[in-house]
Amino acid sequence: MYHLWKALSQMQKNAKFLKDLLTNKRKLEEMSIVTLSKGSLALLQNLLPRKQKDPGSFTIPCNIDDLVDEKALVDLGASINVMSFTMFSKHGLCDLKPIRMTLQLVYLSIRHPRRIIEDVLVKVDKFIFPIDFVILDVDEDVEVPLILGRSFLATSEALIDVSSRKITLRVWDEEVIFALSDEIKHPFTFDDTCYYINGTDSLVDECV
């Protein structure tokens, strides 16, 4: 009888030990340290930059031969400067030169420009820049008849602040800043923005 009581007592002690062990294990699991990635920490601490909407493409005012004020689309995706044939005719420009060039535009459409005109003096605010334009047939009702590409942006030492919607043009130690308000922001309805030049025709001529 004594041995039976002792065995039951021992079993109760073991059961209590196991219960305490399992309880402490749960507490240890709840207090365990989890290492988060840098991205998760940035998200939890609200360190990520605020997501912005597409500001659209921008235009700047310019003037050719002091005749008519025009708007030009500033396009980092364009490797050339483009002028519509309608605008070319309106300003009575001359000295067109032949050009062998194939342009691949948005939606992979192909265009062959008429010709090229070099050293057109374009006034932007107080600065005057000599610019080479490829003359291209576009729709008559195009609101923005000029595209200023990377060559112009390099010549004008342009600094583009997309977040603040400002473009700074610099010549020597002078600069002008355009605040791109909604009045001159272009909603990008110009379907034929030039992304790059396919020079296949010129390469074939050189090889032959």
C-alpha atoms as a PDB file:
ATOM      1  CA  MET A   1       0.000   0.000   0.000  1.00  0.00           C
ATOM      2  CA  TYR A   2       2.854   2.351   0.838  1.00  0.00           C
ATOM      3  CA  HIS A   3       4.564   1.633  -2.459  1.00  0.00           C
ATOM      4  CA  LEU A   4       1.353   2.349  -4.391  1.00  0.00           C
ATOM      5  CA  TRP A   5       0.939   5.699  -2.636  1.00  0.00           C
ATOM      6  CA  LYS A   6       4.575   6.580  -3.344  1.00  0.00           C
ATOM      7  CA  ALA A   7       4.178   5.704  -7.031  1.00  0.00           C
ATOM      8  CA  LEU A   8       1.048   7.870  -7.354  1.00  0.00           C
ATOM      9  CA  SER A   9       2.787  10.746  -5.599  1.00  0.00           C
ATOM     10  CA  GLN A  10       5.750  10.474  -7.967  1.00  0.00           C
ATOM     11  CA  MET A  11       3.426  10.496 -10.986  1.00  0.00           C
ATOM     12  CA  GLN A  12       1.770  13.707  -9.752  1.00  0.00           C
ATOM     13  CA  LYS A  13       5.175  15.358  -9.390  1.00  0.00           C
ATOM     14  CA  ASN A  14       6.161  14.279 -12.918  1.00  0.00           C
ATOM     15  CA  ALA A  15       2.876  15.575 -14.333  1.00  0.00           C
ATOM     16  CA  LYS A  16       3.411  18.960 -12.650  1.00  0.00           C
ATOM     17  CA  PHE A  17       7.008  19.054 -13.951  1.00  0.00           C
ATOM     18  CA  LEU A  18       5.886  18.353 -17.511  1.00  0.00           C
ATOM     19  CA  LYS A  19       3.128  20.956 -17.257  1.00  0.00           C
ATOM     20  CA  ASP A  20       5.552  23.623 -16.013  1.00  0.00           C
ATOM     21  CA  LEU A  21       8.056  22.681 -18.718  1.00  0.00           C
ATOM     22  CA  LEU A  22       5.492  23.054 -21.505  1.00  0.00           C
ATOM     23  CA  THR A  23       4.212  26.344 -20.068  1.00  0.00           C
ATOM     24  CA  ASN A  24       7.721  27.822 -19.904  1.00  0.00           C
ATOM     25  CA  LYS A  25       8.411  26.632 -23.447  1.00  0.00           C
ATOM     26  CA  ARG A  26       5.417  28.574 -24.729  1.00  0.00           C
ATOM     27  CA  LYS A  27       6.620  31.684 -22.908  1.00  0.00           C
ATOM     28  CA  LEU A  28      10.090  31.278 -24.405  1.00  0.00           C
ATOM     29  CA  GLU A  29       8.598  30.928 -27.881  1.00  0.00           C
ATOM     30  CA  GLU A  30       6.502  34.040 -27.358  1.00  0.00           C
ATOM     31  CA  MET A  31       9.577  35.999 -26.233  1.00  0.00           C
ATOM     32  CA  SER A  32      11.831  34.762 -29.044  1.00  0.00           C
ATOM     33  CA  ILE A  33      13.576  37.410 -31.154  1.00  0.00           C
ATOM     34  CA  VAL A  34      12.745  37.583 -34.873  1.00  0.00           C
ATOM     35  CA  THR A  35      15.200  39.403 -37.133  1.00  0.00           C
ATOM     36  CA  LEU A  36      13.525  41.522 -39.812  1.00  0.00           C
ATOM     37  CA  SER A  37      15.033  42.445 -43.165  1.00  0.00           C
ATOM     38  CA  LYS A  38      16.004  46.037 -43.956  1.00  0.00           C
ATOM     39  CA  GLY A  39      13.017  46.330 -46.267  1.00  0.00           C
ATOM     40  CA  SER A  40      10.602  45.211 -43.549  1.00  0.00           C
ATOM     41  CA  LEU A  41      12.150  47.603 -41.026  1.00  0.00           C
ATOM     42  CA  ALA A  42      11.891  50.490 -43.470  1.00  0.00           C
ATOM     43  CA  LEU A  43       8.233  49.688 -44.052  1.00  0.00           C
ATOM     44  CA  LEU A  44       7.413  49.374 -40.342  1.00  0.00           C
ATOM     45  CA  GLN A  45       9.299  52.551 -39.429  1.00  0.00           C
ATOM     46  CA  ASN A  46       7.752  54.477 -42.323  1.00  0.00           C
ATOM     47  CA  LEU A  47      11.169  55.199 -43.860  1.00  0.00           C
ATOM     48  CA  LEU A  48      10.142  54.455 -47.438  1.00  0.00           C
ATOM     49  CA  PRO A  49       9.782  57.457 -49.781  1.00  0.00           C
ATOM     50  CA  ARG A  50       6.260  58.545 -50.544  1.00  0.00           C
ATOM     51  CA  LYS A  51       4.996  57.010 -53.769  1.00  0.00           C
ATOM     52  CA  GLN A  52       4.240  59.629 -56.410  1.00  0.00           C
ATOM     53  CA  LYS A  53       2.023  59.603 -59.475  1.00  0.00           C
ATOM     54  CA  ASP A  54       3.344  59.910 -63.012  1.00  0.00           C
ATOM     55  CA  PRO A  55       3.940  63.661 -63.523  1.00  0.00           C
ATOM     56  CA  GLY A  56       3.565  63.253 -67.268  1.00  0.00           C
ATOM     57  CA  SER A  57       5.824  64.736 -69.908  1.00  0.00           C
ATOM     58  CA  PHE A  58       6.818  68.378 -69.824  1.00  0.00           C
ATOM     59  CA  THR A  59       6.997  71.223 -72.288  1.00  0.00           C
ATOM     60  CA  ILE A  60       8.990  74.428 -72.209  1.00  0.00           C
ATOM     61  CA  PRO A  61       8.267  77.659 -74.115  1.00  0.00           C
ATOM     62  CA  CYS A  62      10.647  78.582 -76.912  1.00  0.00           C
ATOM     63  CA  ASN A  63      10.895  80.926 -79.874  1.00  0.00           C
ATOM     64  CA  ILE A  64      12.295  80.532 -83.388  1.00  0.00           C
ATOM     65  CA  ASP A  65      13.511  83.579 -85.300  1.00  0.00           C
ATOM     66  CA  ASP A  66      11.590  85.858 -82.905  1.00  0.00           C
ATOM     67  CA  LEU A  67       8.407  85.041 -84.807  1.00  0.00           C
ATOM     68  CA  VAL A  68       6.021  82.806 -82.921  1.00  0.00           C
ATOM     69  CA  ASP A  69       6.181  81.377 -79.442  1.00  0.00           C
ATOM     70  CA  GLU A  70       6.045  77.600 -79.507  1.00  0.00           C
ATOM     71  CA  LYS A  71       6.020  74.778 -76.995  1.00  0.00           C
ATOM     72  CA  ALA A  72       8.625  72.037 -77.126  1.00  0.00           C
ATOM     73  CA  LEU A  73       8.341  68.624 -75.547  1.00  0.00           C
ATOM     74  CA  VAL A  74      11.385  67.763 -73.423  1.00  0.00           C
ATOM     75  CA  ASP A  75      12.075  64.077 -73.994  1.00  0.00           C
ATOM     76  CA  LEU A  76      15.001  62.152 -72.514  1.00  0.00           C
ATOM     77  CA  GLY A  77      13.883  59.170 -74.580  1.00  0.00           C
ATOM     78  CA  ALA A  78      14.554  60.952 -77.868  1.00  0.00           C
ATOM     79  CA  SER A  79      18.035  60.724 -79.338  1.00  0.00           C
ATOM     80  CA  ILE A  80      17.289  63.506 -81.847  1.00  0.00           C
ATOM     81  CA  ASN A  81      15.418  66.808 -82.030  1.00  0.00           C
ATOM     82  CA  VAL A  82      12.245  66.711 -84.129  1.00  0.00           C
ATOM     83  CA  MET A  83      10.318  69.480 -85.876  1.00  0.00           C
ATOM     84  CA  SER A  84       6.985  68.961 -87.597  1.00  0.00           C
ATOM     85  CA  PHE A  85       6.917  69.712 -91.322  1.00  0.00           C
ATOM     86  CA  THR A  86       3.964  72.056 -90.744  1.00  0.00           C
ATOM     87  CA  MET A  87       6.001  74.176 -88.374  1.00  0.00           C
ATOM     88  CA  PHE A  88       8.964  74.137 -90.748  1.00  0.00           C
ATOM     89  CA  SER A  89       6.755  75.481 -93.550  1.00  0.00           C
ATOM     90  CA  LYS A  90       5.149  78.100 -91.289  1.00  0.00           C
ATOM     91  CA  HIS A  91       8.487  79.619 -90.320  1.00  0.00           C
ATOM     92  CA  GLY A  92       9.817  79.637 -93.875  1.00  0.00           C
ATOM     93  CA  LEU A  93      13.058  77.953 -92.906  1.00  0.00           C
ATOM     94  CA  CYS A  94      15.469  76.815 -95.596  1.00  0.00           C
ATOM     95  CA  ASP A  95      18.763  74.978 -96.154  1.00  0.00           C
ATOM     96  CA  LEU A  96      17.318  71.520 -95.769  1.00  0.00           C
ATOM     97  CA  LYS A  97      19.786  68.701 -96.194  1.00  0.00           C
ATOM     98  CA  PRO A  98      18.997  65.158 -97.328  1.00  0.00           C
ATOM     99  CA  ILE A  99      19.205  62.434 -94.719  1.00  0.00           C
ATOM    100  CA  ARG A 100      19.097  58.641 -94.787  1.00  0.00           C
ATOM    101  CA  MET A 101      17.481  57.725 -91.514  1.00  0.00           C
ATOM    102  CA  THR A 102      14.794  55.388 -90.247  1.00  0.00           C
ATOM    103  CA  LEU A 103      12.963  56.352 -87.078  1.00  0.00           C
ATOM    104  CA  GLN A 104      11.289  53.784 -84.885  1.00  0.00           C
ATOM    105  CA  LEU A 105       8.577  55.462 -82.872  1.00  0.00           C
ATOM    106  CA  VAL A 106       6.133  54.509 -80.158  1.00  0.00           C
ATOM    107  CA  TYR A 107       4.195  51.291 -80.843  1.00  0.00           C
ATOM    108  CA  LEU A 108       7.079  50.238 -83.149  1.00  0.00           C
ATOM    109  CA  SER A 109       5.788  52.338 -86.043  1.00  0.00           C
ATOM    110  CA  ILE A 110       8.375  53.311 -88.653  1.00  0.00           C
ATOM    111  CA  ARG A 111       8.802  56.793 -90.131  1.00  0.00           C
ATOM    112  CA  HIS A 112      11.194  58.185 -92.720  1.00  0.00           C
ATOM    113  CA  PRO A 113      11.943  61.870 -92.076  1.00  0.00           C
ATOM    114  CA  ARG A 114      11.884  64.329 -94.944  1.00  0.00           C
ATOM    115  CA  ARG A 115      15.232  65.986 -94.325  1.00  0.00           C
ATOM    116  CA  ILE A 116      17.346  67.634 -91.647  1.00  0.00           C
ATOM    117  CA  ILE A 117      17.929  71.312 -90.956  1.00  0.00           C
ATOM    118  CA  GLU A 118      21.009  72.340 -89.020  1.00  0.00           C
ATOM    119  CA  ASP A 119      21.828  75.167 -86.632  1.00  0.00           C
ATOM    120  CA  VAL A 120      18.326  76.534 -86.157  1.00  0.00           C
ATOM    121  CA  LEU A 121      18.532  79.311 -83.574  1.00  0.00           C
ATOM    122  CA  VAL A 122      16.023  78.552 -80.842  1.00  0.00           C
ATOM    123  CA  LYS A 123      15.494  81.069 -78.059  1.00  0.00           C
ATOM    124  CA  VAL A 124      14.572  79.671 -74.667  1.00  0.00           C
ATOM    125  CA  ASP A 125      14.031  82.506 -72.223  1.00  0.00           C
ATOM    126  CA  LYS A 126      17.257  84.551 -72.397  1.00  0.00           C
ATOM    127  CA  PHE A 127      19.356  81.809 -74.000  1.00  0.00           C
ATOM    128  CA  ILE A 128      19.768  81.056 -77.706  1.00  0.00           C
ATOM    129  CA  PHE A 129      20.788  77.554 -78.774  1.00  0.00           C
ATOM    130  CA  PRO A 130      21.813  76.263 -82.221  1.00  0.00           C
ATOM    131  CA  ILE A 131      19.817  73.072 -82.753  1.00  0.00           C
ATOM    132  CA  ASP A 132      19.688  70.489 -85.534  1.00  0.00           C
ATOM    133  CA  PHE A 133      16.143  69.307 -86.281  1.00  0.00           C
ATOM    134  CA  VAL A 134      14.934  66.267 -88.164  1.00  0.00           C
ATOM    135  CA  ILE A 135      11.847  67.284 -90.177  1.00  0.00           C
ATOM    136  CA  LEU A 136       9.015  64.806 -89.770  1.00  0.00           C
ATOM    137  CA  ASP A 137       5.438  64.602 -91.034  1.00  0.00           C
ATOM    138  CA  VAL A 138       3.047  64.519 -88.075  1.00  0.00           C
ATOM    139  CA  ASP A 139      -0.648  65.229 -87.611  1.00  0.00           C
ATOM    140  CA  GLU A 140      -1.707  68.763 -88.450  1.00  0.00           C
ATOM    141  CA  ASP A 141      -3.377  69.297 -85.085  1.00  0.00           C
ATOM    142  CA  VAL A 142      -0.360  68.381 -82.965  1.00  0.00           C
ATOM    143  CA  GLU A 143      -0.288  70.763 -80.019  1.00  0.00           C
ATOM    144  CA  VAL A 144       3.462  70.511 -79.494  1.00  0.00           C
ATOM    145  CA  PRO A 145       5.334  70.677 -82.833  1.00  0.00           C
ATOM    146  CA  LEU A 146       8.846  70.338 -81.398  1.00  0.00           C
ATOM    147  CA  ILE A 147      10.659  67.585 -79.553  1.00  0.00           C
ATOM    148  CA  LEU A 148      13.901  68.484 -77.809  1.00  0.00           C
ATOM    149  CA  GLY A 149      15.922  65.356 -77.170  1.00  0.00           C
ATOM    150  CA  ARG A 150      19.094  64.424 -75.371  1.00  0.00           C
ATOM    151  CA  SER A 151      21.414  66.476 -77.587  1.00  0.00           C
ATOM    152  CA  PHE A 152      19.593  69.681 -76.610  1.00  0.00           C
ATOM    153  CA  LEU A 153      19.511  68.670 -72.951  1.00  0.00           C
ATOM    154  CA  ALA A 154      23.266  68.077 -73.061  1.00  0.00           C
ATOM    155  CA  THR A 155      23.936  71.393 -74.839  1.00  0.00           C
ATOM    156  CA  SER A 156      21.844  73.328 -72.327  1.00  0.00           C
ATOM    157  CA  GLU A 157      23.345  71.400 -69.381  1.00  0.00           C
ATOM    158  CA  ALA A 158      19.794  70.709 -68.287  1.00  0.00           C
ATOM    159  CA  LEU A 159      18.973  69.562 -64.774  1.00  0.00           C
ATOM    160  CA  ILE A 160      15.557  67.959 -64.419  1.00  0.00           C
ATOM    161  CA  ASP A 161      13.965  67.686 -60.987  1.00  0.00           C
ATOM    162  CA  VAL A 162      10.969  65.444 -61.589  1.00  0.00           C
ATOM    163  CA  SER A 163       9.703  65.589 -58.009  1.00  0.00           C
ATOM    164  CA  SER A 164       9.692  69.398 -57.887  1.00  0.00           C
ATOM    165  CA  ARG A 165       8.695  69.598 -61.552  1.00  0.00           C
ATOM    166  CA  LYS A 166      11.469  71.995 -62.454  1.00  0.00           C
ATOM    167  CA  ILE A 167      13.939  72.179 -65.328  1.00  0.00           C
ATOM    168  CA  THR A 168      17.113  74.231 -65.039  1.00  0.00           C
ATOM    169  CA  LEU A 169      18.982  75.261 -68.205  1.00  0.00           C
ATOM    170  CA  ARG A 170      22.518  76.597 -67.890  1.00  0.00           C
ATOM    171  CA  VAL A 171      24.894  78.523 -70.134  1.00  0.00           C
ATOM    172  CA  TRP A 172      28.279  79.306 -68.648  1.00  0.00           C
ATOM    173  CA  ASP A 173      27.560  80.794 -65.204  1.00  0.00           C
ATOM    174  CA  GLU A 174      23.948  81.763 -65.921  1.00  0.00           C
ATOM    175  CA  GLU A 175      20.826  79.678 -65.557  1.00  0.00           C
ATOM    176  CA  VAL A 176      17.077  79.828 -66.002  1.00  0.00           C
ATOM    177  CA  ILE A 177      14.579  77.696 -64.102  1.00  0.00           C
ATOM    178  CA  PHE A 178      11.217  76.637 -65.461  1.00  0.00           C
ATOM    179  CA  ALA A 179       8.610  75.684 -62.893  1.00  0.00           C
ATOM    180  CA  LEU A 180       6.482  73.176 -64.706  1.00  0.00           C
ATOM    181  CA  SER A 181       3.004  74.229 -63.674  1.00  0.00           C
ATOM    182  CA  ASP A 182      -0.151  72.571 -64.904  1.00  0.00           C
ATOM    183  CA  GLU A 183      -0.491  75.240 -67.574  1.00  0.00           C
ATOM    184  CA  ILE A 184       2.598  74.076 -69.442  1.00  0.00           C
ATOM    185  CA  LYS A 185       2.599  70.438 -68.439  1.00  0.00           C
ATOM    186  CA  HIS A 186       1.883  68.312 -71.484  1.00  0.00           C
ATOM    187  CA  PRO A 187      -0.409  65.318 -70.910  1.00  0.00           C
ATOM    188  CA  PHE A 188       1.526  63.346 -73.500  1.00  0.00           C
ATOM    189  CA  THR A 189      -0.926  62.926 -76.335  1.00  0.00           C
ATOM    190  CA  PHE A 190       1.953  63.057 -78.810  1.00  0.00           C
ATOM    191  CA  ASP A 191       1.826  59.455 -80.025  1.00  0.00           C
ATOM    192  CA  ASP A 192       4.985  59.611 -82.113  1.00  0.00           C
ATOM    193  CA  THR A 193       7.715  60.320 -79.588  1.00  0.00           C
ATOM    194  CA  CYS A 194      11.029  59.121 -81.006  1.00  0.00           C
ATOM    195  CA  TYR A 195      12.814  56.619 -78.805  1.00  0.00           C
ATOM    196  CA  TYR A 196      15.795  55.724 -80.921  1.00  0.00           C
ATOM    197  CA  ILE A 197      17.174  55.847 -84.446  1.00  0.00           C
ATOM    198  CA  ASN A 198      17.522  52.744 -86.557  1.00  0.00           C
ATOM    199  CA  GLY A 199      20.430  53.570 -88.851  1.00  0.00           C
ATOM    200  CA  THR A 200      20.069  50.507 -91.065  1.00  0.00           C
ATOM    201  CA  ASP A 201      19.901  52.465 -94.322  1.00  0.00           C
ATOM    202  CA  SER A 202      23.131  54.324 -93.605  1.00  0.00           C
ATOM    203  CA  LEU A 203      24.945  51.160 -92.556  1.00  0.00           C
ATOM    204  CA  VAL A 204      23.924  49.358 -95.746  1.00  0.00           C
ATOM    205  CA  ASP A 205      25.179  52.241 -97.882  1.00  0.00           C
ATOM    206  CA  GLU A 206      28.524  52.214 -96.087  1.00  0.00           C
ATOM    207  CA  CYS A 207      28.958  48.458 -96.466  1.00  0.00           C
ATOM    208  CA  VAL A 208      28.081  48.500-100.182  1.00  0.00           C
END
